[in-house]
C-alpha cells in the first residue's frame, strides 16, 4: 500500500505552508505530495490568504523538492484549455526531473466558477469537455517526436500541432476518478494509469472497481494495469485524546471520521488500511487538512507505515 499526502490549499495556505508539508513528507519517505484544484474555500474557514493555482504551486515545489512525486487530485477541465494544460504539465515534469502526475476531472463546484467568471456548463457538457481534453492531452504527450497531432472535436480542435514540449515521462501518469457508472470508467480505461475514488461511502469503491475492470476488459486492456486508489481524511493520534484533538481541529467528529475516513490510533489505521488493501486498493491519499501539524505526518510515518502488510 502506497501512502500519499493530499492537501486542500483553498482552505487557507501560503506556498511556504505547502512547501513545509511537501518537504516533511519527502523526508519521511511518503510516495507523493498532491494538492486539490479549487479557487474557493469550502465550509466555515476563512481561506486566507486566498486560493493558489495548482500548477504554479507545483512548479515551485518541483524545484524545491528532489524525490517526492507531485500531482493534482484533480484538475477541473473547466479551468484550462487542454493544449495549455499539456504544455504546463510537461514543463513541470521537466522542472521536477520527471515526477509529476495529472489528475483530471469534469469539475463540480459551481460557486467557484461564479466567483471567478469561469463558465460552468451542465454536467453532460462538462463530461464532453473532459473526454476531449483527455484525448488531446494524452494524444499530445504520446505523439512521437517529429510527428504532428490533430484532433477535431465539438469543443476543441487541434491542427497539426508539433506536440511540444515533450515531458520527461512518456507520458506522465493520468489519474481519473469519480462515481459515474458508465462514462467515467470508460474514460479511465482509455486514458488513465490510475483510478481514484475520493471519500467513498459504503460499497462505492467496490462498485467503481468492478466497473473500471469491466471497462478495461471491453477494450482489451489488462485490468491489472490500472492502479486503484482512494482518498480518505486523516486524523491519527497516539491516544484517544489526541485523535479527538486532531479531528476537532479540522471540524470533524471522531466517531463519524472513524466510520468514514482514516481516524484513530496507529493500530486502528493499520487495520483500516489493511481492509482497504483487501478490497483492491493499492494507493491511499491521506487528506491532511491541518497543514501546520507536521507532527501528524511524523506519527503516521513512524507508527503506521512500518506496520502495513506487505503485499
C-alpha atoms as a PDB file:
ATOM      1  CA  UNK A   1       0.000   0.000   0.000  1.00  0.00           C
ATOM      2  CA  UNK A   2       1.469   3.331  -1.064  1.00  0.00           C
ATOM      3  CA  UNK A   3       0.586   6.343   1.080  1.00  0.00           C
ATOM      4  CA  UNK A   4       0.432   9.796  -0.459  1.00  0.00           C
ATOM      5  CA  UNK A   5      -0.195  13.176   1.154  1.00  0.00           C
ATOM      6  CA  UNK A   6      -3.138  15.163  -0.210  1.00  0.00           C
ATOM      7  CA  UNK A   7      -3.726  18.824   0.694  1.00  0.00           C
ATOM      8  CA  UNK A   8      -6.554  21.325   0.164  1.00  0.00           C
ATOM      9  CA  UNK A   9      -4.836  24.739  -0.175  1.00  0.00           C
ATOM     10  CA  UNK A  10      -8.071  26.605  -0.953  1.00  0.00           C
ATOM     11  CA  UNK A  11      -8.934  26.165   2.727  1.00  0.00           C
ATOM     12  CA  UNK A  12      -6.086  28.526   3.622  1.00  0.00           C
ATOM     13  CA  UNK A  13      -2.407  28.083   2.779  1.00  0.00           C
ATOM     14  CA  UNK A  14       0.554  30.039   1.533  1.00  0.00           C
ATOM     15  CA  UNK A  15       3.206  28.495  -0.675  1.00  0.00           C
ATOM     16  CA  UNK A  16       5.565  28.151   2.285  1.00  0.00           C
ATOM     17  CA  UNK A  17       2.914  26.124   4.145  1.00  0.00           C
ATOM     18  CA  UNK A  18       2.674  23.680   1.256  1.00  0.00           C
ATOM     19  CA  UNK A  19       6.441  23.552   0.889  1.00  0.00           C
ATOM     20  CA  UNK A  20       6.873  22.675   4.573  1.00  0.00           C
ATOM     21  CA  UNK A  21       4.426  19.773   4.225  1.00  0.00           C
ATOM     22  CA  UNK A  22       5.964  18.563   0.953  1.00  0.00           C
ATOM     23  CA  UNK A  23       9.488  18.636   2.368  1.00  0.00           C
ATOM     24  CA  UNK A  24       8.475  16.844   5.559  1.00  0.00           C
ATOM     25  CA  UNK A  25       6.587  14.217   3.536  1.00  0.00           C
ATOM     26  CA  UNK A  26       9.625  13.764   1.316  1.00  0.00           C
ATOM     27  CA  UNK A  27      11.956  13.445   4.301  1.00  0.00           C
ATOM     28  CA  UNK A  28       9.692  10.842   5.894  1.00  0.00           C
ATOM     29  CA  UNK A  29       9.531   8.727   2.749  1.00  0.00           C
ATOM     30  CA  UNK A  30       5.932   9.271   1.626  1.00  0.00           C
ATOM     31  CA  UNK A  31       5.422   8.465  -2.038  1.00  0.00           C
ATOM     32  CA  UNK A  32       3.870  11.736  -3.222  1.00  0.00           C
ATOM     33  CA  UNK A  33       2.533  15.191  -2.389  1.00  0.00           C
ATOM     34  CA  UNK A  34      -0.728  16.105  -4.088  1.00  0.00           C
ATOM     35  CA  UNK A  35      -2.960  19.151  -3.937  1.00  0.00           C
ATOM     36  CA  UNK A  36      -6.541  19.926  -4.913  1.00  0.00           C
ATOM     37  CA  UNK A  37      -7.506  22.275  -7.753  1.00  0.00           C
ATOM     38  CA  UNK A  38     -10.015  24.744  -6.320  1.00  0.00           C
ATOM     39  CA  UNK A  39     -10.357  28.517  -6.371  1.00  0.00           C
ATOM     40  CA  UNK A  40     -12.804  28.950  -3.499  1.00  0.00           C
ATOM     41  CA  UNK A  41     -12.838  27.834   0.119  1.00  0.00           C
ATOM     42  CA  UNK A  42     -15.430  25.426   1.449  1.00  0.00           C
ATOM     43  CA  UNK A  43     -17.124  25.417   4.827  1.00  0.00           C
ATOM     44  CA  UNK A  44     -16.512  27.654   7.806  1.00  0.00           C
ATOM     45  CA  UNK A  45     -12.852  28.581   7.278  1.00  0.00           C
ATOM     46  CA  UNK A  46     -11.631  31.999   6.157  1.00  0.00           C
ATOM     47  CA  UNK A  47      -9.470  30.567   3.366  1.00  0.00           C
ATOM     48  CA  UNK A  48      -6.843  33.281   3.808  1.00  0.00           C
ATOM     49  CA  UNK A  49      -4.687  34.361   2.068  1.00  0.00           C
ATOM     50  CA  UNK A  50      -6.845  33.061  -0.781  1.00  0.00           C
ATOM     51  CA  UNK A  51      -6.562  30.385  -3.448  1.00  0.00           C
ATOM     52  CA  UNK A  52      -3.424  29.375  -5.293  1.00  0.00           C
ATOM     53  CA  UNK A  53      -3.093  27.916  -8.756  1.00  0.00           C
ATOM     54  CA  UNK A  54      -2.253  24.221  -8.779  1.00  0.00           C
ATOM     55  CA  UNK A  55       0.409  24.149 -11.486  1.00  0.00           C
ATOM     56  CA  UNK A  56       2.006  27.409 -10.378  1.00  0.00           C
ATOM     57  CA  UNK A  57       2.405  25.863  -6.932  1.00  0.00           C
ATOM     58  CA  UNK A  58       3.642  22.544  -8.263  1.00  0.00           C
ATOM     59  CA  UNK A  59       6.203  24.298 -10.456  1.00  0.00           C
ATOM     60  CA  UNK A  60       7.697  25.820  -7.312  1.00  0.00           C
ATOM     61  CA  UNK A  61       7.641  22.502  -5.498  1.00  0.00           C
ATOM     62  CA  UNK A  62       9.297  20.846  -8.482  1.00  0.00           C
ATOM     63  CA  UNK A  63      12.371  22.972  -7.828  1.00  0.00           C
ATOM     64  CA  UNK A  64      12.141  22.992  -4.021  1.00  0.00           C
ATOM     65  CA  UNK A  65      11.927  19.189  -3.585  1.00  0.00           C
ATOM     66  CA  UNK A  66      14.057  16.408  -5.045  1.00  0.00           C
ATOM     67  CA  UNK A  67      12.386  12.978  -4.779  1.00  0.00           C
ATOM     68  CA  UNK A  68       8.709  13.083  -3.925  1.00  0.00           C
ATOM     69  CA  UNK A  69       6.177  12.807  -6.724  1.00  0.00           C
ATOM     70  CA  UNK A  70       3.846  15.763  -7.307  1.00  0.00           C
ATOM     71  CA  UNK A  71       0.337  15.998  -8.700  1.00  0.00           C
ATOM     72  CA  UNK A  72      -3.277  17.119  -8.674  1.00  0.00           C
ATOM     73  CA  UNK A  73      -6.344  15.369  -7.321  1.00  0.00           C
ATOM     74  CA  UNK A  74      -7.862  16.562  -9.540  1.00  0.00           C
ATOM     75  CA  UNK A  75      -7.658  19.437 -12.039  1.00  0.00           C
ATOM     76  CA  UNK A  76     -11.004  20.715 -13.258  1.00  0.00           C
ATOM     77  CA  UNK A  77     -11.365  20.550 -17.038  1.00  0.00           C
ATOM     78  CA  UNK A  78     -13.386  23.779 -16.880  1.00  0.00           C
ATOM     79  CA  UNK A  79     -10.343  25.761 -15.697  1.00  0.00           C
ATOM     80  CA  UNK A  80      -7.877  25.220 -18.549  1.00  0.00           C
ATOM     81  CA  UNK A  81      -7.511  24.708 -22.269  1.00  0.00           C
ATOM     82  CA  UNK A  82      -6.168  21.212 -22.959  1.00  0.00           C
ATOM     83  CA  UNK A  83      -3.276  22.414 -25.121  1.00  0.00           C
ATOM     84  CA  UNK A  84      -2.147  24.850 -22.450  1.00  0.00           C
ATOM     85  CA  UNK A  85      -2.585  22.214 -19.745  1.00  0.00           C
ATOM     86  CA  UNK A  86      -0.462  19.712 -21.684  1.00  0.00           C
ATOM     87  CA  UNK A  87       2.305  22.315 -22.017  1.00  0.00           C
ATOM     88  CA  UNK A  88       2.145  23.346 -18.345  1.00  0.00           C
ATOM     89  CA  UNK A  89       2.316  19.794 -17.036  1.00  0.00           C
ATOM     90  CA  UNK A  90       5.125  18.895 -19.447  1.00  0.00           C
ATOM     91  CA  UNK A  91       7.060  21.965 -18.255  1.00  0.00           C
ATOM     92  CA  UNK A  92       6.670  20.991 -14.599  1.00  0.00           C
ATOM     93  CA  UNK A  93       7.587  17.400 -15.402  1.00  0.00           C
ATOM     94  CA  UNK A  94      10.848  18.715 -16.849  1.00  0.00           C
ATOM     95  CA  UNK A  95      11.389  21.041 -13.869  1.00  0.00           C
ATOM     96  CA  UNK A  96      10.920  18.130 -11.461  1.00  0.00           C
ATOM     97  CA  UNK A  97      13.057  15.619 -13.318  1.00  0.00           C
ATOM     98  CA  UNK A  98      10.026  13.517 -14.253  1.00  0.00           C
ATOM     99  CA  UNK A  99       7.982  13.426 -11.048  1.00  0.00           C
ATOM    100  CA  UNK A 100       4.521  14.768 -11.938  1.00  0.00           C
ATOM    101  CA  UNK A 101       1.115  13.166 -12.344  1.00  0.00           C
ATOM    102  CA  UNK A 102      -2.055  14.737 -13.720  1.00  0.00           C
ATOM    103  CA  UNK A 103      -5.442  14.126 -12.161  1.00  0.00           C
ATOM    104  CA  UNK A 104      -8.181  15.462 -14.422  1.00  0.00           C
ATOM    105  CA  UNK A 105     -11.933  15.607 -13.826  1.00  0.00           C
ATOM    106  CA  UNK A 106     -15.062  17.332 -15.089  1.00  0.00           C
ATOM    107  CA  UNK A 107     -15.368  19.864 -12.243  1.00  0.00           C
ATOM    108  CA  UNK A 108     -18.251  20.113  -9.804  1.00  0.00           C
ATOM    109  CA  UNK A 109     -18.080  23.251  -7.618  1.00  0.00           C
ATOM    110  CA  UNK A 110     -20.411  25.785  -9.234  1.00  0.00           C
ATOM    111  CA  UNK A 111     -19.722  28.576  -6.706  1.00  0.00           C
ATOM    112  CA  UNK A 112     -16.010  28.858  -7.528  1.00  0.00           C
ATOM    113  CA  UNK A 113     -16.832  29.238 -11.209  1.00  0.00           C
ATOM    114  CA  UNK A 114     -19.265  32.071 -10.478  1.00  0.00           C
ATOM    115  CA  UNK A 115     -16.762  33.713  -8.132  1.00  0.00           C
ATOM    116  CA  UNK A 116     -14.051  33.926 -10.811  1.00  0.00           C
ATOM    117  CA  UNK A 117     -16.065  34.224 -14.018  1.00  0.00           C
ATOM    118  CA  UNK A 118     -15.446  30.684 -15.270  1.00  0.00           C
ATOM    119  CA  UNK A 119     -18.105  29.017 -17.409  1.00  0.00           C
ATOM    120  CA  UNK A 120     -19.851  26.084 -15.746  1.00  0.00           C
ATOM    121  CA  UNK A 121     -21.973  24.122 -18.238  1.00  0.00           C
ATOM    122  CA  UNK A 122     -24.373  21.364 -17.288  1.00  0.00           C
ATOM    123  CA  UNK A 123     -22.929  18.023 -16.299  1.00  0.00           C
ATOM    124  CA  UNK A 124     -23.264  16.238 -19.642  1.00  0.00           C
ATOM    125  CA  UNK A 125     -21.371  19.005 -21.434  1.00  0.00           C
ATOM    126  CA  UNK A 126     -18.700  19.052 -18.737  1.00  0.00           C
ATOM    127  CA  UNK A 127     -18.094  15.358 -19.362  1.00  0.00           C
ATOM    128  CA  UNK A 128     -17.951  16.023 -23.105  1.00  0.00           C
ATOM    129  CA  UNK A 129     -15.273  18.645 -22.406  1.00  0.00           C
ATOM    130  CA  UNK A 130     -13.390  16.226 -20.143  1.00  0.00           C
ATOM    131  CA  UNK A 131     -13.488  13.490 -22.776  1.00  0.00           C
ATOM    132  CA  UNK A 132     -11.980  15.791 -25.407  1.00  0.00           C
ATOM    133  CA  UNK A 133      -9.383  17.176 -23.001  1.00  0.00           C
ATOM    134  CA  UNK A 134      -8.177  13.703 -22.045  1.00  0.00           C
ATOM    135  CA  UNK A 135      -7.900  12.740 -25.703  1.00  0.00           C
ATOM    136  CA  UNK A 136      -5.912  15.886 -26.528  1.00  0.00           C
ATOM    137  CA  UNK A 137      -3.559  15.879 -23.547  1.00  0.00           C
ATOM    138  CA  UNK A 138      -2.881  12.159 -23.881  1.00  0.00           C
ATOM    139  CA  UNK A 139      -2.527  12.485 -27.648  1.00  0.00           C
ATOM    140  CA  UNK A 140      -0.086  15.394 -27.483  1.00  0.00           C
ATOM    141  CA  UNK A 141       2.132  13.604 -24.976  1.00  0.00           C
ATOM    142  CA  UNK A 142       2.157  10.321 -26.914  1.00  0.00           C
ATOM    143  CA  UNK A 143       2.857  11.813 -30.342  1.00  0.00           C
ATOM    144  CA  UNK A 144       6.373  10.751 -31.404  1.00  0.00           C
ATOM    145  CA  UNK A 145       8.968  13.478 -31.740  1.00  0.00           C
ATOM    146  CA  UNK A 146       8.931  14.893 -35.260  1.00  0.00           C
ATOM    147  CA  UNK A 147       5.285  13.940 -35.874  1.00  0.00           C
ATOM    148  CA  UNK A 148       2.248  16.187 -35.508  1.00  0.00           C
ATOM    149  CA  UNK A 149      -1.038  15.700 -33.682  1.00  0.00           C
ATOM    150  CA  UNK A 150      -4.519  16.709 -34.838  1.00  0.00           C
ATOM    151  CA  UNK A 151      -7.896  16.378 -33.175  1.00  0.00           C
ATOM    152  CA  UNK A 152     -11.360  17.528 -34.254  1.00  0.00           C
ATOM    153  CA  UNK A 153     -13.987  17.753 -31.522  1.00  0.00           C
ATOM    154  CA  UNK A 154     -17.077  19.767 -30.744  1.00  0.00           C
ATOM    155  CA  UNK A 155     -15.296  21.838 -28.090  1.00  0.00           C
ATOM    156  CA  UNK A 156     -11.659  21.784 -29.226  1.00  0.00           C
ATOM    157  CA  UNK A 157      -9.787  21.406 -32.487  1.00  0.00           C
ATOM    158  CA  UNK A 158      -6.039  20.846 -32.716  1.00  0.00           C
ATOM    159  CA  UNK A 159      -4.481  21.133 -36.156  1.00  0.00           C
ATOM    160  CA  UNK A 160      -1.028  19.693 -36.934  1.00  0.00           C
ATOM    161  CA  UNK A 161       0.377  20.516 -33.514  1.00  0.00           C
ATOM    162  CA  UNK A 162       4.098  19.787 -33.102  1.00  0.00           C
ATOM    163  CA  UNK A 163       3.041  18.330 -29.726  1.00  0.00           C
ATOM    164  CA  UNK A 164       5.810  20.099 -27.862  1.00  0.00           C
ATOM    165  CA  UNK A 165       7.283  20.254 -25.309  1.00  0.00           C
ATOM    166  CA  UNK A 166       7.713  16.597 -24.543  1.00  0.00           C
ATOM    167  CA  UNK A 167       7.518  15.657 -20.846  1.00  0.00           C
ATOM    168  CA  UNK A 168      10.359  13.616 -19.396  1.00  0.00           C
ATOM    169  CA  UNK A 169       7.961  10.801 -18.543  1.00  0.00           C
ATOM    170  CA  UNK A 170       6.498   9.117 -21.583  1.00  0.00           C
ATOM    171  CA  UNK A 171       3.846  10.068 -20.684  1.00  0.00           C
ATOM    172  CA  UNK A 172       3.173  11.401 -17.160  1.00  0.00           C
ATOM    173  CA  UNK A 173       0.561   9.226 -15.429  1.00  0.00           C
ATOM    174  CA  UNK A 174      -3.035  10.419 -15.766  1.00  0.00           C
ATOM    175  CA  UNK A 175      -5.488   9.886 -12.899  1.00  0.00           C
ATOM    176  CA  UNK A 176      -9.237   9.730 -13.498  1.00  0.00           C
ATOM    177  CA  UNK A 177     -11.788   9.210 -10.766  1.00  0.00           C
ATOM    178  CA  UNK A 178     -15.355   9.606  -9.670  1.00  0.00           C
ATOM    179  CA  UNK A 179     -18.605   7.782  -9.189  1.00  0.00           C
ATOM    180  CA  UNK A 180     -20.076   7.849 -12.693  1.00  0.00           C
ATOM    181  CA  UNK A 181     -21.336   4.441 -13.760  1.00  0.00           C
ATOM    182  CA  UNK A 182     -20.536   4.490 -17.494  1.00  0.00           C
ATOM    183  CA  UNK A 183     -18.519   7.372 -18.921  1.00  0.00           C
ATOM    184  CA  UNK A 184     -16.079   7.730 -16.022  1.00  0.00           C
ATOM    185  CA  UNK A 185     -14.876   4.088 -16.098  1.00  0.00           C
ATOM    186  CA  UNK A 186     -14.706   4.190 -19.898  1.00  0.00           C
ATOM    187  CA  UNK A 187     -12.551   7.349 -19.903  1.00  0.00           C
ATOM    188  CA  UNK A 188     -10.280   5.850 -17.268  1.00  0.00           C
ATOM    189  CA  UNK A 189      -9.841   2.655 -19.249  1.00  0.00           C
ATOM    190  CA  UNK A 190      -8.803   4.613 -22.348  1.00  0.00           C
ATOM    191  CA  UNK A 191      -6.535   7.213 -20.800  1.00  0.00           C
ATOM    192  CA  UNK A 192      -5.685   6.668 -17.126  1.00  0.00           C
ATOM    193  CA  UNK A 193      -2.891   4.918 -15.300  1.00  0.00           C
ATOM    194  CA  UNK A 194      -4.857   5.212 -12.051  1.00  0.00           C
ATOM    195  CA  UNK A 195      -8.493   5.302 -10.975  1.00  0.00           C
ATOM    196  CA  UNK A 196      -9.385   7.115  -7.753  1.00  0.00           C
ATOM    197  CA  UNK A 197     -12.490   7.152  -5.592  1.00  0.00           C
ATOM    198  CA  UNK A 198     -12.422  10.069  -3.159  1.00  0.00           C
ATOM    199  CA  UNK A 199     -14.038   9.614   0.253  1.00  0.00           C
ATOM    200  CA  UNK A 200     -16.064   6.546  -0.760  1.00  0.00           C
ATOM    201  CA  UNK A 201     -19.215   5.566   1.060  1.00  0.00           C
ATOM    202  CA  UNK A 202     -20.214   2.011   1.821  1.00  0.00           C
ATOM    203  CA  UNK A 203     -19.662  -0.153  -1.257  1.00  0.00           C
ATOM    204  CA  UNK A 204     -18.769   2.752  -3.573  1.00  0.00           C
ATOM    205  CA  UNK A 205     -15.179   1.764  -4.139  1.00  0.00           C
ATOM    206  CA  UNK A 206     -16.061  -1.850  -4.915  1.00  0.00           C
ATOM    207  CA  UNK A 207     -18.740  -0.806  -7.429  1.00  0.00           C
ATOM    208  CA  UNK A 208     -16.364   1.502  -9.268  1.00  0.00           C
ATOM    209  CA  UNK A 209     -13.526  -1.020  -9.086  1.00  0.00           C
ATOM    210  CA  UNK A 210     -15.690  -3.584 -10.863  1.00  0.00           C
ATOM    211  CA  UNK A 211     -16.918  -1.072 -13.459  1.00  0.00           C
ATOM    212  CA  UNK A 212     -13.383   0.054 -14.264  1.00  0.00           C
ATOM    213  CA  UNK A 213     -12.151  -3.520 -14.582  1.00  0.00           C
ATOM    214  CA  UNK A 214     -15.053  -4.299 -16.943  1.00  0.00           C
ATOM    215  CA  UNK A 215     -14.331  -1.159 -18.993  1.00  0.00           C
ATOM    216  CA  UNK A 216     -10.683  -2.193 -19.322  1.00  0.00           C
ATOM    217  CA  UNK A 217     -11.647  -5.682 -20.450  1.00  0.00           C
ATOM    218  CA  UNK A 218     -14.099  -4.271 -23.010  1.00  0.00           C
ATOM    219  CA  UNK A 219     -11.254  -2.536 -24.896  1.00  0.00           C
ATOM    220  CA  UNK A 220      -8.729  -5.337 -24.462  1.00  0.00           C
ATOM    221  CA  UNK A 221      -6.770  -3.688 -21.652  1.00  0.00           C
ATOM    222  CA  UNK A 222      -5.468  -5.765 -18.763  1.00  0.00           C
ATOM    223  CA  UNK A 223      -7.386  -4.538 -15.664  1.00  0.00           C
ATOM    224  CA  UNK A 224      -4.262  -5.214 -13.588  1.00  0.00           C
ATOM    225  CA  UNK A 225      -2.546  -2.347 -15.426  1.00  0.00           C
ATOM    226  CA  UNK A 226      -4.859   0.136 -13.655  1.00  0.00           C
ATOM    227  CA  UNK A 227      -3.744   1.319 -10.204  1.00  0.00           C
ATOM    228  CA  UNK A 228      -6.746   1.598  -7.870  1.00  0.00           C
ATOM    229  CA  UNK A 229      -6.753   4.258  -5.162  1.00  0.00           C
ATOM    230  CA  UNK A 230      -8.875   6.047  -2.590  1.00  0.00           C
ATOM    231  CA  UNK A 231      -8.616   9.388  -0.814  1.00  0.00           C
ATOM    232  CA  UNK A 232      -9.502   9.434   2.888  1.00  0.00           C
ATOM    233  CA  UNK A 233      -9.470  12.181   5.513  1.00  0.00           C
ATOM    234  CA  UNK A 234      -6.729  11.669   8.116  1.00  0.00           C
ATOM    235  CA  UNK A 235      -6.834  12.089  11.893  1.00  0.00           C
ATOM    236  CA  UNK A 236      -4.311   9.884  13.680  1.00  0.00           C
ATOM    237  CA  UNK A 237      -3.285  10.129  17.323  1.00  0.00           C
ATOM    238  CA  UNK A 238      -1.230   8.201  19.811  1.00  0.00           C
ATOM    239  CA  UNK A 239      -4.191   8.241  22.217  1.00  0.00           C
ATOM    240  CA  UNK A 240      -7.941   8.731  22.005  1.00  0.00           C
ATOM    241  CA  UNK A 241      -7.465  12.261  23.349  1.00  0.00           C
ATOM    242  CA  UNK A 242      -5.009  13.097  20.591  1.00  0.00           C
ATOM    243  CA  UNK A 243      -7.324  11.582  17.995  1.00  0.00           C
ATOM    244  CA  UNK A 244     -10.159  13.774  19.292  1.00  0.00           C
ATOM    245  CA  UNK A 245      -7.935  16.852  19.216  1.00  0.00           C
ATOM    246  CA  UNK A 246      -6.881  16.311  15.638  1.00  0.00           C
ATOM    247  CA  UNK A 247     -10.421  15.575  14.486  1.00  0.00           C
ATOM    248  CA  UNK A 248     -11.725  18.661  16.279  1.00  0.00           C
ATOM    249  CA  UNK A 249      -9.015  20.829  14.682  1.00  0.00           C
ATOM    250  CA  UNK A 250     -10.497  20.082  11.260  1.00  0.00           C
ATOM    251  CA  UNK A 251     -14.123  20.307  12.359  1.00  0.00           C
ATOM    252  CA  UNK A 252     -14.887  16.589  12.334  1.00  0.00           C
ATOM    253  CA  UNK A 253     -16.435  14.303  14.925  1.00  0.00           C
ATOM    254  CA  UNK A 254     -14.078  11.420  15.804  1.00  0.00           C
ATOM    255  CA  UNK A 255     -16.824   8.787  15.685  1.00  0.00           C
ATOM    256  CA  UNK A 256     -18.028   9.953  12.283  1.00  0.00           C
ATOM    257  CA  UNK A 257     -14.479  10.180  10.945  1.00  0.00           C
ATOM    258  CA  UNK A 258     -13.611   6.708  12.247  1.00  0.00           C
ATOM    259  CA  UNK A 259     -16.528   5.396  10.189  1.00  0.00           C
ATOM    260  CA  UNK A 260     -15.819   7.359   7.008  1.00  0.00           C
ATOM    261  CA  UNK A 261     -12.123   8.240   6.974  1.00  0.00           C
ATOM    262  CA  UNK A 262      -8.795   7.200   8.419  1.00  0.00           C
ATOM    263  CA  UNK A 263      -9.219   8.131  12.046  1.00  0.00           C
ATOM    264  CA  UNK A 264      -7.875   6.563  15.208  1.00  0.00           C
ATOM    265  CA  UNK A 265      -4.691   5.291  16.781  1.00  0.00           C
ATOM    266  CA  UNK A 266      -1.885   3.890  14.600  1.00  0.00           C
ATOM    267  CA  UNK A 267      -3.107   0.342  15.223  1.00  0.00           C
ATOM    268  CA  UNK A 268      -6.590   1.328  14.055  1.00  0.00           C
ATOM    269  CA  UNK A 269      -5.181   2.899  10.892  1.00  0.00           C
ATOM    270  CA  UNK A 270      -3.094  -0.181  10.113  1.00  0.00           C
ATOM    271  CA  UNK A 271      -6.206  -2.340  10.434  1.00  0.00           C
ATOM    272  CA  UNK A 272      -8.276   0.039   8.316  1.00  0.00           C
ATOM    273  CA  UNK A 273      -5.662   0.283   5.567  1.00  0.00           C
ATOM    274  CA  UNK A 274      -5.306  -3.500   5.501  1.00  0.00           C
ATOM    275  CA  UNK A 275      -9.068  -3.734   4.942  1.00  0.00           C
ATOM    276  CA  UNK A 276      -8.874  -1.301   2.029  1.00  0.00           C
ATOM    277  CA  UNK A 277      -5.995  -3.327   0.630  1.00  0.00           C
ATOM    278  CA  UNK A 278      -8.074  -6.485   0.755  1.00  0.00           C
ATOM    279  CA  UNK A 279     -10.682  -4.684  -1.389  1.00  0.00           C
ATOM    280  CA  UNK A 280      -8.142  -3.924  -4.092  1.00  0.00           C
ATOM    281  CA  UNK A 281      -6.842  -0.507  -3.038  1.00  0.00           C
ATOM    282  CA  UNK A 282      -3.159  -0.155  -3.926  1.00  0.00           C
ATOM    283  CA  UNK A 283      -2.666   3.508  -3.042  1.00  0.00           C
ATOM    284  CA  UNK A 284      -4.246   5.784  -0.427  1.00  0.00           C
ATOM    285  CA  UNK A 285      -4.215   9.572  -0.434  1.00  0.00           C
ATOM    286  CA  UNK A 286      -4.186  10.884   3.133  1.00  0.00           C
ATOM    287  CA  UNK A 287      -6.156  14.131   3.173  1.00  0.00           C
ATOM    288  CA  UNK A 288      -4.183  16.374   5.518  1.00  0.00           C
ATOM    289  CA  UNK A 289      -6.268  19.432   6.395  1.00  0.00           C
ATOM    290  CA  UNK A 290      -4.266  20.943   9.269  1.00  0.00           C
ATOM    291  CA  UNK A 291      -1.117  21.879   7.382  1.00  0.00           C
ATOM    292  CA  UNK A 292       0.587  23.328  10.460  1.00  0.00           C
ATOM    293  CA  UNK A 293       0.530  19.965  12.269  1.00  0.00           C
ATOM    294  CA  UNK A 294       3.656  18.357  10.823  1.00  0.00           C
ATOM    295  CA  UNK A 295       3.893  16.050  13.845  1.00  0.00           C
ATOM    296  CA  UNK A 296       0.856  14.327  12.356  1.00  0.00           C
ATOM    297  CA  UNK A 297       2.992  13.171   9.433  1.00  0.00           C
ATOM    298  CA  UNK A 298       5.749  12.044  11.778  1.00  0.00           C
ATOM    299  CA  UNK A 299       3.327   9.815  13.686  1.00  0.00           C
ATOM    300  CA  UNK A 300       1.957   8.146  10.559  1.00  0.00           C
ATOM    301  CA  UNK A 301       5.456   7.597   9.164  1.00  0.00           C
ATOM    302  CA  UNK A 302       6.832   6.113  12.379  1.00  0.00           C
ATOM    303  CA  UNK A 303       3.884   4.122  13.742  1.00  0.00           C
ATOM    304  CA  UNK A 304       1.649   3.274  10.757  1.00  0.00           C
ATOM    305  CA  UNK A 305       3.831   2.825   7.681  1.00  0.00           C
ATOM    306  CA  UNK A 306       6.245   0.223   9.212  1.00  0.00           C
ATOM    307  CA  UNK A 307       3.308  -1.938  10.273  1.00  0.00           C
ATOM    308  CA  UNK A 308       1.399  -2.045   6.997  1.00  0.00           C
ATOM    309  CA  UNK A 309       1.143  -5.525   5.486  1.00  0.00           C
ATOM    310  CA  UNK A 310       3.468  -6.206   2.562  1.00  0.00           C
ATOM    311  CA  UNK A 311       1.561  -7.453  -0.476  1.00  0.00           C
END
